[in-house]
C-alpha atoms as a PDB file:
ATOM      1  CA  UNK A   1      18.199  -6.902  -4.524  1.00  0.00           C
ATOM      2  CA  UNK A   2      18.451 -10.665  -3.105  1.00  0.00           C
ATOM      3  CA  UNK A   3      15.854 -13.082  -0.736  1.00  0.00           C
ATOM      4  CA  UNK A   4      15.940 -13.168   3.445  1.00  0.00           C
ATOM      5  CA  UNK A   5      14.558 -15.305   5.209  1.00  0.00           C
ATOM      6  CA  UNK A   6      11.346 -16.304   2.651  1.00  0.00           C
ATOM      7  CA  UNK A   7      10.004 -15.254  -0.388  1.00  0.00           C
ATOM      8  CA  UNK A   8       7.557 -12.765   1.607  1.00  0.00           C
ATOM      9  CA  UNK A   9      10.280 -10.490   2.866  1.00  0.00           C
ATOM     10  CA  UNK A  10      13.231  -8.569  -0.036  1.00  0.00           C
ATOM     11  CA  UNK A  11      15.933  -6.740   2.122  1.00  0.00           C
ATOM     12  CA  UNK A  12      18.068  -5.010  -0.257  1.00  0.00           C
ATOM     13  CA  UNK A  13      21.160  -4.364  -1.314  1.00  0.00           C
ATOM     14  CA  UNK A  14      22.798  -1.201   0.481  1.00  0.00           C
ATOM     15  CA  UNK A  15      24.512  -0.111  -2.048  1.00  0.00           C
ATOM     16  CA  UNK A  16      21.044   0.255  -4.534  1.00  0.00           C
ATOM     17  CA  UNK A  17      19.989   3.795  -5.786  1.00  0.00           C
ATOM     18  CA  UNK A  18      17.915   3.629  -8.420  1.00  0.00           C
ATOM     19  CA  UNK A  19      15.006   0.748  -8.509  1.00  0.00           C
ATOM     20  CA  UNK A  20      14.011  -0.338 -12.093  1.00  0.00           C
ATOM     21  CA  UNK A  21      10.304  -0.539 -12.984  1.00  0.00           C
ATOM     22  CA  UNK A  22       8.621  -4.362 -12.347  1.00  0.00           C
ATOM     23  CA  UNK A  23      11.507  -4.532 -10.316  1.00  0.00           C
ATOM     24  CA  UNK A  24       9.167  -6.148  -8.120  1.00  0.00           C
ATOM     25  CA  UNK A  25       6.462  -7.091 -10.906  1.00  0.00           C
ATOM     26  CA  UNK A  26       3.749  -9.786  -9.927  1.00  0.00           C
ATOM     27  CA  UNK A  27       5.360 -10.988  -6.400  1.00  0.00           C
ATOM     28  CA  UNK A  28       1.669 -11.807  -5.008  1.00  0.00           C
ATOM     29  CA  UNK A  29       2.880 -12.434  -1.641  1.00  0.00           C
ATOM     30  CA  UNK A  30       5.570 -10.167  -0.551  1.00  0.00           C
ATOM     31  CA  UNK A  31       4.423  -8.464   2.771  1.00  0.00           C
ATOM     32  CA  UNK A  32       7.766  -6.829   3.465  1.00  0.00           C
ATOM     33  CA  UNK A  33      10.403  -4.371   1.263  1.00  0.00           C
ATOM     34  CA  UNK A  34      13.179  -2.996   3.547  1.00  0.00           C
ATOM     35  CA  UNK A  35      15.237  -0.780   1.294  1.00  0.00           C
ATOM     36  CA  UNK A  36      18.572   1.228   1.824  1.00  0.00           C
ATOM     37  CA  UNK A  37      19.667   4.650   3.217  1.00  0.00           C
ATOM     38  CA  UNK A  38      20.806   5.423  -0.235  1.00  0.00           C
ATOM     39  CA  UNK A  39      18.242   4.817  -2.777  1.00  0.00           C
ATOM     40  CA  UNK A  40      16.649   7.786  -4.755  1.00  0.00           C
ATOM     41  CA  UNK A  41      14.750   7.062  -6.910  1.00  0.00           C
ATOM     42  CA  UNK A  42      12.132   4.451  -7.747  1.00  0.00           C
ATOM     43  CA  UNK A  43      10.896   4.265 -10.965  1.00  0.00           C
ATOM     44  CA  UNK A  44       7.143   3.528 -12.263  1.00  0.00           C
ATOM     45  CA  UNK A  45       5.566   1.127 -11.320  1.00  0.00           C
ATOM     46  CA  UNK A  46       8.462  -0.779  -9.063  1.00  0.00           C
ATOM     47  CA  UNK A  47       5.257  -2.563  -7.166  1.00  0.00           C
ATOM     48  CA  UNK A  48       2.845  -3.195  -9.975  1.00  0.00           C
ATOM     49  CA  UNK A  49       0.938  -6.473  -8.776  1.00  0.00           C
ATOM     50  CA  UNK A  50       1.997  -6.495  -5.117  1.00  0.00           C
ATOM     51  CA  UNK A  51      -0.845  -6.552  -3.970  1.00  0.00           C
ATOM     52  CA  UNK A  52      -0.085  -8.817  -0.088  1.00  0.00           C
ATOM     53  CA  UNK A  53       2.549  -5.579   0.254  1.00  0.00           C
ATOM     54  CA  UNK A  54       1.726  -4.086   3.939  1.00  0.00           C
ATOM     55  CA  UNK A  55       5.795  -2.393   4.214  1.00  0.00           C
ATOM     56  CA  UNK A  56       7.747  -0.535   3.107  1.00  0.00           C
ATOM     57  CA  UNK A  57      11.103   0.382   5.051  1.00  0.00           C
ATOM     58  CA  UNK A  58      12.452   3.258   3.873  1.00  0.00           C
ATOM     59  CA  UNK A  59      16.716   3.812   5.557  1.00  0.00           C
ATOM     60  CA  UNK A  60      17.010   7.570   3.373  1.00  0.00           C
ATOM     61  CA  UNK A  61      16.589  10.564   4.978  1.00  0.00           C
ATOM     62  CA  UNK A  62      15.664  12.403   2.615  1.00  0.00           C
ATOM     63  CA  UNK A  63      12.961  10.858   0.747  1.00  0.00           C
ATOM     64  CA  UNK A  64      13.402   9.597  -2.812  1.00  0.00           C
ATOM     65  CA  UNK A  65      11.893  10.885  -5.882  1.00  0.00           C
ATOM     66  CA  UNK A  66       8.720   8.799  -7.851  1.00  0.00           C
ATOM     67  CA  UNK A  67       9.210   8.646 -11.098  1.00  0.00           C
ATOM     68  CA  UNK A  68       5.169   7.646 -11.440  1.00  0.00           C
ATOM     69  CA  UNK A  69       3.009   5.843  -9.802  1.00  0.00           C
ATOM     70  CA  UNK A  70       5.259   3.231  -7.346  1.00  0.00           C
ATOM     71  CA  UNK A  71       2.008   0.649  -8.230  1.00  0.00           C
ATOM     72  CA  UNK A  72       1.441   0.997 -11.324  1.00  0.00           C
ATOM     73  CA  UNK A  73       3.189   1.486 -14.563  1.00  0.00           C
ATOM     74  CA  UNK A  74       2.888   4.242 -18.382  1.00  0.00           C
ATOM     75  CA  UNK A  75       3.773   0.706 -20.171  1.00  0.00           C
ATOM     76  CA  UNK A  76       1.015  -1.989 -18.196  1.00  0.00           C
ATOM     77  CA  UNK A  77      -0.388  -3.243 -21.222  1.00  0.00           C
ATOM     78  CA  UNK A  78      -3.808  -3.769 -19.693  1.00  0.00           C
ATOM     79  CA  UNK A  79      -4.036   0.478 -19.275  1.00  0.00           C
ATOM     80  CA  UNK A  80      -8.032  -0.100 -18.269  1.00  0.00           C
ATOM     81  CA  UNK A  81      -8.407   1.150 -15.097  1.00  0.00           C
ATOM     82  CA  UNK A  82      -9.490  -2.019 -12.908  1.00  0.00           C
ATOM     83  CA  UNK A  83      -6.222  -4.190 -13.780  1.00  0.00           C
ATOM     84  CA  UNK A  84      -4.577  -0.342 -11.770  1.00  0.00           C
ATOM     85  CA  UNK A  85      -2.600  -1.758  -8.941  1.00  0.00           C
ATOM     86  CA  UNK A  86      -3.292  -0.220  -5.513  1.00  0.00           C
ATOM     87  CA  UNK A  87      -1.774  -0.574  -2.159  1.00  0.00           C
ATOM     88  CA  UNK A  88      -3.046  -2.928   0.669  1.00  0.00           C
ATOM     89  CA  UNK A  89      -5.896  -1.637   2.667  1.00  0.00           C
ATOM     90  CA  UNK A  90      -2.669  -1.783   5.883  1.00  0.00           C
ATOM     91  CA  UNK A  91       0.587  -0.480   3.428  1.00  0.00           C
ATOM     92  CA  UNK A  92       2.252   1.642   5.636  1.00  0.00           C
ATOM     93  CA  UNK A  93       5.788   3.391   4.195  1.00  0.00           C
ATOM     94  CA  UNK A  94       8.201   3.332   7.435  1.00  0.00           C
ATOM     95  CA  UNK A  95      11.618   5.970   7.658  1.00  0.00           C
ATOM     96  CA  UNK A  96      13.055   7.054  10.121  1.00  0.00           C
ATOM     97  CA  UNK A  97      12.256   8.781  13.567  1.00  0.00           C
ATOM     98  CA  UNK A  98      13.126  12.090  12.374  1.00  0.00           C
ATOM     99  CA  UNK A  99      12.664  12.059   8.632  1.00  0.00           C
ATOM    100  CA  UNK A 100       8.662  11.733   9.077  1.00  0.00           C
ATOM    101  CA  UNK A 101       7.813  15.533   8.470  1.00  0.00           C
ATOM    102  CA  UNK A 102       9.924  15.161   6.085  1.00  0.00           C
ATOM    103  CA  UNK A 103       8.394  12.361   4.011  1.00  0.00           C
ATOM    104  CA  UNK A 104       4.885  13.108   4.511  1.00  0.00           C
ATOM    105  CA  UNK A 105       4.933  16.532   3.047  1.00  0.00           C
ATOM    106  CA  UNK A 106       6.666  15.530  -0.087  1.00  0.00           C
ATOM    107  CA  UNK A 107       4.994  12.625  -2.675  1.00  0.00           C
ATOM    108  CA  UNK A 108       5.434  10.082   0.110  1.00  0.00           C
ATOM    109  CA  UNK A 109       2.499  11.827   2.352  1.00  0.00           C
ATOM    110  CA  UNK A 110      -0.035   9.674  -0.085  1.00  0.00           C
ATOM    111  CA  UNK A 111       0.998   6.953   1.835  1.00  0.00           C
ATOM    112  CA  UNK A 112       0.414   5.854   5.370  1.00  0.00           C
ATOM    113  CA  UNK A 113       3.997   7.105   7.325  1.00  0.00           C
ATOM    114  CA  UNK A 114       5.658   6.123  10.366  1.00  0.00           C
ATOM    115  CA  UNK A 115       8.269   6.202  11.930  1.00  0.00           C
ATOM    116  CA  UNK A 116      10.801   2.876  12.271  1.00  0.00           C
ATOM    117  CA  UNK A 117      11.122   2.551  15.374  1.00  0.00           C
ATOM    118  CA  UNK A 118       6.762   1.292  15.631  1.00  0.00           C
ATOM    119  CA  UNK A 119       8.303  -1.151  12.765  1.00  0.00           C
ATOM    120  CA  UNK A 120       8.263  -4.203  15.669  1.00  0.00           C
ATOM    121  CA  UNK A 121       8.629  -7.144  13.399  1.00  0.00           C
ATOM    122  CA  UNK A 122      11.540  -5.211  12.377  1.00  0.00           C
ATOM    123  CA  UNK A 123      13.153  -5.444  15.956  1.00  0.00           C
END
């Protein structure tokens, strides 16, 4: 994973298939993450302590697996509910326009899903 322009946005490598636990741990200023079309899986706790995360852009037509809660890990040392990360109230997952219904009907449906064509920050 590499940074581009600022710590507010992270763009991933195009051949990335799995994002491991705590890949973005405590990136408290992170607002946007853009993931490639080959992504297959996000492990638990990928975005743990990413309180400012508002935009997750996934270019995969097939919803990637989520092995657990992407905002919390099973190995969280502070296994107290008050320490659990909750998604930012403005958190939106942007997906390919042709895949919106597929994501809504998957485990991703618990988040707000919108088509990438509505992500004006990408253009």
